[in-house]
């Protein structure tokens, strides 16, 4: 099986030993994206909605670098530090993903890297 690593300066650099994304068998698999501003490498202050927008822009940048887009998402997984943020994240999600919507799961987790409030990963068709 061949795989191609996807790397773009328009999304945050990996904070560990992993790739922003990997393409194999006609699919892009992204690593979880935190609400990190790619220009500063930091999580900015702001609402959960503002942070969700950053995450979806970062996912879009990785998808674009791989030759696809958010329109071709087939599965999205959302990790939340507080499930009560789900409604606010869902509103932002609906601005970035259109019908036919990808499959999606959302989970509350005990903690996320860098104290983030959310992390999102995706699988995309090329």
N, C-alpha and C. Protein backbone atom coordinates (compact mmCIF):
# COMPACT_ATOMS: atom_id res chain seq x y z
N UNK A 1 0.85 -1.18 0.00
CA UNK A 1 0.00 0.00 0.00
C UNK A 1 0.89 1.23 0.00
N UNK A 2 0.63 2.15 -0.91
CA UNK A 2 1.40 3.39 -0.92
C UNK A 2 0.62 4.46 -0.16
N UNK A 3 1.37 5.36 0.42
CA UNK A 3 0.73 6.49 1.10
C UNK A 3 1.56 7.74 0.85
N UNK A 4 0.87 8.86 0.80
CA UNK A 4 1.50 10.15 0.56
C UNK A 4 1.17 11.07 1.72
N UNK A 5 2.18 11.67 2.29
CA UNK A 5 1.99 12.61 3.39
C UNK A 5 1.56 13.96 2.83
N UNK A 6 0.59 14.58 3.48
CA UNK A 6 0.10 15.90 3.11
C UNK A 6 0.60 16.90 4.14
N UNK A 7 1.22 17.98 3.65
CA UNK A 7 1.74 19.02 4.55
C UNK A 7 1.48 20.37 3.92
N UNK A 8 0.93 21.29 4.71
CA UNK A 8 0.67 22.64 4.24
C UNK A 8 0.99 23.64 5.35
N UNK A 9 1.49 24.80 4.96
CA UNK A 9 1.72 25.88 5.92
C UNK A 9 0.43 26.61 6.26
N UNK A 10 -0.67 26.29 5.57
CA UNK A 10 -1.96 26.93 5.81
C UNK A 10 -2.78 26.26 6.90
N UNK A 11 -2.18 25.27 7.55
CA UNK A 11 -2.78 24.60 8.71
C UNK A 11 -1.65 24.45 9.73
N UNK A 12 -2.00 24.26 10.99
CA UNK A 12 -0.96 24.18 12.02
C UNK A 12 0.00 23.01 11.77
N UNK A 13 1.26 23.26 12.08
CA UNK A 13 2.26 22.19 12.02
C UNK A 13 1.92 21.16 13.09
N UNK A 14 2.29 19.93 12.84
CA UNK A 14 2.07 18.86 13.82
C UNK A 14 2.80 19.20 15.11
N UNK A 15 2.17 18.90 16.24
CA UNK A 15 2.81 19.15 17.54
C UNK A 15 3.41 17.88 18.12
N UNK A 16 3.51 16.86 17.28
CA UNK A 16 4.07 15.58 17.70
C UNK A 16 4.50 14.79 16.48
N UNK A 17 4.82 13.53 16.67
CA UNK A 17 5.29 12.69 15.56
C UNK A 17 4.14 12.14 14.72
N UNK A 18 3.49 13.01 13.97
CA UNK A 18 2.39 12.62 13.08
C UNK A 18 2.32 13.59 11.92
N UNK A 19 1.57 13.23 10.90
CA UNK A 19 1.39 14.06 9.72
C UNK A 19 0.06 14.80 9.80
N UNK A 20 -0.02 15.95 9.14
CA UNK A 20 -1.30 16.66 9.07
C UNK A 20 -2.34 15.80 8.38
N UNK A 21 -1.90 15.09 7.36
CA UNK A 21 -2.80 14.20 6.64
C UNK A 21 -2.02 13.16 5.87
N UNK A 22 -2.70 12.08 5.53
CA UNK A 22 -2.10 11.01 4.74
C UNK A 22 -3.12 10.57 3.69
N UNK A 23 -2.66 10.46 2.45
CA UNK A 23 -3.50 9.99 1.36
C UNK A 23 -3.14 8.55 1.02
N UNK A 24 -4.15 7.70 0.91
CA UNK A 24 -3.97 6.33 0.47
C UNK A 24 -5.28 5.83 -0.12
N UNK A 25 -5.18 5.02 -1.14
CA UNK A 25 -6.35 4.39 -1.76
C UNK A 25 -7.48 5.38 -2.08
N UNK A 26 -7.11 6.57 -2.56
CA UNK A 26 -8.12 7.54 -2.96
C UNK A 26 -8.81 8.28 -1.83
N UNK A 27 -8.27 8.15 -0.62
CA UNK A 27 -8.84 8.83 0.54
C UNK A 27 -7.78 9.65 1.26
N UNK A 28 -8.19 10.77 1.82
CA UNK A 28 -7.36 11.58 2.70
C UNK A 28 -7.83 11.36 4.12
N UNK A 29 -6.90 11.02 5.00
CA UNK A 29 -7.16 10.88 6.43
C UNK A 29 -6.42 12.02 7.13
N UNK A 30 -7.15 12.90 7.81
CA UNK A 30 -6.47 13.98 8.52
C UNK A 30 -6.25 13.61 9.98
N UNK A 31 -5.19 14.16 10.52
CA UNK A 31 -5.00 14.08 11.96
C UNK A 31 -5.98 15.04 12.61
N UNK A 32 -6.22 14.85 13.89
CA UNK A 32 -7.11 15.75 14.61
C UNK A 32 -6.57 17.16 14.57
N UNK A 33 -7.45 18.11 14.26
CA UNK A 33 -7.07 19.51 14.19
C UNK A 33 -7.61 20.26 15.40
N UNK A 34 -6.70 20.94 16.07
CA UNK A 34 -7.05 21.81 17.19
C UNK A 34 -7.30 23.21 16.65
N UNK A 35 -7.91 24.09 17.44
CA UNK A 35 -8.15 25.46 16.97
C UNK A 35 -6.89 26.33 17.06
N UNK A 36 -5.85 25.88 16.39
CA UNK A 36 -4.56 26.58 16.39
C UNK A 36 -4.50 27.49 15.17
N UNK A 37 -4.11 28.74 15.40
CA UNK A 37 -3.88 29.68 14.31
C UNK A 37 -2.56 29.28 13.64
N UNK A 38 -2.57 28.93 12.35
CA UNK A 38 -1.34 28.49 11.70
C UNK A 38 -0.25 29.56 11.70
N UNK A 39 -0.64 30.83 11.72
CA UNK A 39 0.34 31.92 11.68
C UNK A 39 1.10 32.05 12.99
N UNK A 40 0.43 31.77 14.11
CA UNK A 40 1.07 31.97 15.42
C UNK A 40 1.44 30.66 16.11
N UNK A 41 0.79 29.57 15.70
CA UNK A 41 1.03 28.29 16.36
C UNK A 41 0.37 28.21 17.73
N UNK A 42 -0.56 29.13 18.00
CA UNK A 42 -1.22 29.16 19.30
C UNK A 42 -2.74 29.10 19.14
N UNK A 43 -3.40 28.69 20.22
CA UNK A 43 -4.86 28.72 20.26
C UNK A 43 -5.28 30.12 20.71
N UNK A 44 -5.99 30.87 19.86
CA UNK A 44 -6.38 32.22 20.25
C UNK A 44 -7.53 32.21 21.26
N UNK A 45 -7.69 33.32 21.94
CA UNK A 45 -8.85 33.51 22.80
C UNK A 45 -10.08 33.63 21.91
N UNK A 46 -11.24 33.29 22.43
CA UNK A 46 -12.46 33.44 21.65
C UNK A 46 -13.51 32.44 22.07
N UNK A 47 -14.64 32.54 21.42
CA UNK A 47 -15.76 31.65 21.72
C UNK A 47 -15.51 30.27 21.11
N UNK A 48 -16.29 29.30 21.53
CA UNK A 48 -16.19 27.97 20.95
C UNK A 48 -16.54 28.03 19.46
N UNK A 49 -17.47 28.89 19.08
CA UNK A 49 -17.83 29.03 17.66
C UNK A 49 -16.65 29.56 16.86
N UNK A 50 -15.95 30.55 17.38
CA UNK A 50 -14.78 31.09 16.69
C UNK A 50 -13.69 30.03 16.57
N UNK A 51 -13.53 29.24 17.61
CA UNK A 51 -12.51 28.18 17.58
C UNK A 51 -12.91 27.07 16.62
N UNK A 52 -14.19 26.76 16.54
CA UNK A 52 -14.66 25.75 15.59
C UNK A 52 -14.38 26.21 14.16
N UNK A 53 -14.59 27.49 13.88
CA UNK A 53 -14.31 28.02 12.54
C UNK A 53 -12.84 27.85 12.19
N UNK A 54 -11.96 28.07 13.14
CA UNK A 54 -10.52 27.88 12.89
C UNK A 54 -10.24 26.42 12.55
N UNK A 55 -10.83 25.51 13.31
CA UNK A 55 -10.62 24.08 13.08
C UNK A 55 -11.09 23.70 11.67
N UNK A 56 -12.27 24.14 11.26
CA UNK A 56 -12.79 23.76 9.95
C UNK A 56 -11.98 24.41 8.83
N UNK A 57 -11.47 25.62 9.03
CA UNK A 57 -10.58 26.23 8.04
C UNK A 57 -9.30 25.42 7.92
N UNK A 58 -8.76 24.97 9.05
CA UNK A 58 -7.55 24.16 9.03
C UNK A 58 -7.78 22.84 8.29
N UNK A 59 -8.91 22.19 8.56
CA UNK A 59 -9.25 20.96 7.84
C UNK A 59 -9.36 21.24 6.34
N UNK A 60 -9.99 22.34 6.00
CA UNK A 60 -10.13 22.71 4.59
C UNK A 60 -8.79 22.95 3.91
N UNK A 61 -7.84 23.54 4.64
CA UNK A 61 -6.51 23.79 4.07
C UNK A 61 -5.78 22.49 3.79
N UNK A 62 -5.90 21.53 4.70
CA UNK A 62 -5.27 20.23 4.49
C UNK A 62 -5.93 19.51 3.31
N UNK A 63 -7.26 19.56 3.27
CA UNK A 63 -7.98 18.94 2.16
C UNK A 63 -7.56 19.56 0.83
N UNK A 64 -7.46 20.88 0.78
CA UNK A 64 -7.07 21.56 -0.46
C UNK A 64 -5.67 21.14 -0.89
N UNK A 65 -4.76 21.05 0.05
CA UNK A 65 -3.39 20.64 -0.27
C UNK A 65 -3.37 19.23 -0.86
N UNK A 66 -4.29 18.39 -0.43
CA UNK A 66 -4.37 17.01 -0.93
C UNK A 66 -5.12 16.92 -2.25
N UNK A 67 -5.72 18.04 -2.69
CA UNK A 67 -6.45 18.04 -3.95
C UNK A 67 -7.93 17.74 -3.81
N UNK A 68 -8.47 17.97 -2.63
CA UNK A 68 -9.89 17.74 -2.41
C UNK A 68 -10.46 18.95 -1.66
N UNK A 69 -11.62 18.80 -1.04
CA UNK A 69 -12.23 19.91 -0.32
C UNK A 69 -13.16 19.37 0.76
N UNK A 70 -13.66 20.27 1.58
CA UNK A 70 -14.63 19.87 2.61
C UNK A 70 -15.87 19.25 1.98
N UNK A 71 -16.19 19.63 0.75
CA UNK A 71 -17.35 19.05 0.06
C UNK A 71 -17.23 17.54 -0.13
N UNK A 72 -16.01 17.04 -0.09
CA UNK A 72 -15.77 15.61 -0.31
C UNK A 72 -15.53 14.84 0.98
N UNK A 73 -15.89 15.44 2.11
CA UNK A 73 -15.76 14.73 3.39
C UNK A 73 -16.74 13.57 3.43
N UNK A 74 -16.27 12.41 3.88
CA UNK A 74 -17.15 11.26 4.04
C UNK A 74 -17.37 10.90 5.50
N UNK A 75 -16.46 11.33 6.38
CA UNK A 75 -16.60 11.05 7.82
C UNK A 75 -15.87 12.12 8.61
N UNK A 76 -16.55 12.70 9.57
CA UNK A 76 -15.97 13.70 10.46
C UNK A 76 -16.16 13.22 11.89
N UNK A 77 -15.12 13.36 12.69
CA UNK A 77 -15.21 13.03 14.11
C UNK A 77 -14.86 14.27 14.91
N UNK A 78 -15.75 14.62 15.84
CA UNK A 78 -15.60 15.81 16.68
C UNK A 78 -15.37 15.37 18.11
N UNK A 79 -14.32 15.89 18.72
CA UNK A 79 -14.03 15.64 20.13
C UNK A 79 -14.20 16.95 20.88
N UNK A 80 -15.02 16.94 21.92
CA UNK A 80 -15.32 18.15 22.70
C UNK A 80 -14.91 17.96 24.15
N UNK A 81 -14.33 19.00 24.73
CA UNK A 81 -14.04 18.97 26.16
C UNK A 81 -15.34 19.07 26.95
N UNK A 82 -16.36 19.71 26.37
CA UNK A 82 -17.66 19.87 27.03
C UNK A 82 -18.76 19.64 26.00
N UNK A 83 -19.52 18.58 26.15
CA UNK A 83 -20.57 18.24 25.19
C UNK A 83 -21.64 19.33 25.10
N UNK A 84 -21.71 20.20 26.11
CA UNK A 84 -22.65 21.32 26.06
C UNK A 84 -22.29 22.32 24.96
N UNK A 85 -21.07 22.23 24.41
CA UNK A 85 -20.66 23.08 23.29
C UNK A 85 -21.14 22.53 21.95
N UNK A 86 -21.77 21.36 21.96
CA UNK A 86 -22.15 20.70 20.71
C UNK A 86 -23.03 21.59 19.83
N UNK A 87 -24.02 22.24 20.39
CA UNK A 87 -24.94 23.06 19.58
C UNK A 87 -24.21 24.20 18.89
N UNK A 88 -23.32 24.87 19.61
CA UNK A 88 -22.57 25.98 19.02
C UNK A 88 -21.64 25.49 17.91
N UNK A 89 -20.98 24.37 18.14
CA UNK A 89 -20.10 23.79 17.12
C UNK A 89 -20.93 23.35 15.91
N UNK A 90 -22.09 22.79 16.17
CA UNK A 90 -22.97 22.33 15.09
C UNK A 90 -23.39 23.47 14.18
N UNK A 91 -23.66 24.64 14.74
CA UNK A 91 -24.03 25.81 13.93
C UNK A 91 -22.90 26.18 12.98
N UNK A 92 -21.68 26.17 13.48
CA UNK A 92 -20.52 26.50 12.64
C UNK A 92 -20.30 25.40 11.61
N UNK A 93 -20.42 24.17 12.04
CA UNK A 93 -20.26 23.01 11.15
C UNK A 93 -21.15 23.16 9.92
N UNK A 94 -22.40 23.58 10.13
CA UNK A 94 -23.36 23.72 9.04
C UNK A 94 -22.96 24.80 8.04
N UNK A 95 -22.06 25.70 8.42
CA UNK A 95 -21.56 26.72 7.49
C UNK A 95 -20.47 26.16 6.58
N UNK A 96 -19.83 25.09 7.00
CA UNK A 96 -18.70 24.53 6.25
C UNK A 96 -19.04 23.25 5.50
N UNK A 97 -20.06 22.52 5.94
CA UNK A 97 -20.43 21.25 5.31
C UNK A 97 -21.87 21.35 4.83
N UNK A 98 -22.09 20.95 3.59
CA UNK A 98 -23.41 21.03 2.96
C UNK A 98 -23.90 19.63 2.60
N UNK A 99 -25.20 19.52 2.32
CA UNK A 99 -25.77 18.24 1.91
C UNK A 99 -25.18 17.80 0.58
N UNK A 100 -24.95 16.53 0.38
CA UNK A 100 -25.16 15.46 1.35
C UNK A 100 -24.06 15.49 2.41
N UNK A 101 -24.48 15.56 3.67
CA UNK A 101 -23.53 15.68 4.77
C UNK A 101 -22.71 14.41 4.94
N UNK A 102 -21.47 14.58 5.42
CA UNK A 102 -20.68 13.39 5.73
C UNK A 102 -21.23 12.70 6.98
N UNK A 103 -20.88 11.44 7.14
CA UNK A 103 -21.17 10.76 8.41
C UNK A 103 -20.39 11.51 9.49
N UNK A 104 -20.90 11.46 10.72
CA UNK A 104 -20.22 12.22 11.79
C UNK A 104 -20.47 11.57 13.13
N UNK A 105 -19.47 11.67 13.98
CA UNK A 105 -19.59 11.28 15.39
C UNK A 105 -19.09 12.44 16.22
N UNK A 106 -19.63 12.58 17.42
CA UNK A 106 -19.16 13.61 18.35
C UNK A 106 -19.09 13.01 19.74
N UNK A 107 -18.01 13.31 20.43
CA UNK A 107 -17.78 12.73 21.76
C UNK A 107 -17.28 13.79 22.72
N UNK A 108 -17.68 13.68 23.98
CA UNK A 108 -17.03 14.45 25.03
C UNK A 108 -15.86 13.61 25.52
N UNK A 109 -14.72 14.27 25.68
CA UNK A 109 -13.52 13.58 26.15
C UNK A 109 -13.01 14.25 27.42
N UNK A 110 -12.18 13.55 28.16
CA UNK A 110 -11.68 14.07 29.44
C UNK A 110 -10.78 15.27 29.25
N UNK A 111 -9.96 15.26 28.22
CA UNK A 111 -9.04 16.36 27.97
C UNK A 111 -8.53 16.28 26.54
N UNK A 112 -8.08 17.42 26.02
CA UNK A 112 -7.50 17.49 24.68
C UNK A 112 -6.13 18.16 24.76
N UNK A 113 -5.26 17.92 23.79
CA UNK A 113 -3.93 18.53 23.82
C UNK A 113 -4.01 20.05 23.92
N UNK A 114 -3.04 20.62 24.59
CA UNK A 114 -2.90 22.06 24.76
C UNK A 114 -4.09 22.71 25.46
N UNK A 115 -4.90 21.91 26.14
CA UNK A 115 -6.07 22.45 26.82
C UNK A 115 -7.17 22.91 25.88
N UNK A 116 -7.14 22.42 24.65
CA UNK A 116 -8.13 22.83 23.64
C UNK A 116 -9.53 22.41 24.05
N UNK A 117 -10.52 23.13 23.53
CA UNK A 117 -11.92 22.82 23.80
C UNK A 117 -12.51 21.87 22.77
N UNK A 118 -11.87 21.77 21.60
CA UNK A 118 -12.35 20.83 20.59
C UNK A 118 -11.21 20.40 19.68
N UNK A 119 -11.42 19.25 19.05
CA UNK A 119 -10.50 18.70 18.06
C UNK A 119 -11.38 17.98 17.04
N UNK A 120 -11.02 18.11 15.76
CA UNK A 120 -11.82 17.50 14.70
C UNK A 120 -10.89 16.81 13.71
N UNK A 121 -11.27 15.60 13.30
CA UNK A 121 -10.53 14.88 12.26
C UNK A 121 -11.50 14.47 11.17
N UNK A 122 -10.96 14.20 9.99
CA UNK A 122 -11.84 13.85 8.89
C UNK A 122 -11.25 12.86 7.92
N UNK A 123 -12.13 12.25 7.15
CA UNK A 123 -11.77 11.38 6.04
C UNK A 123 -12.46 11.96 4.81
N UNK A 124 -11.70 12.10 3.72
CA UNK A 124 -12.19 12.76 2.52
C UNK A 124 -11.90 11.92 1.28
N UNK A 125 -12.82 11.93 0.32
CA UNK A 125 -12.55 11.35 -0.99
C UNK A 125 -11.70 12.33 -1.78
N UNK A 126 -10.81 11.80 -2.60
CA UNK A 126 -10.02 12.69 -3.46
C UNK A 126 -10.79 13.00 -4.73
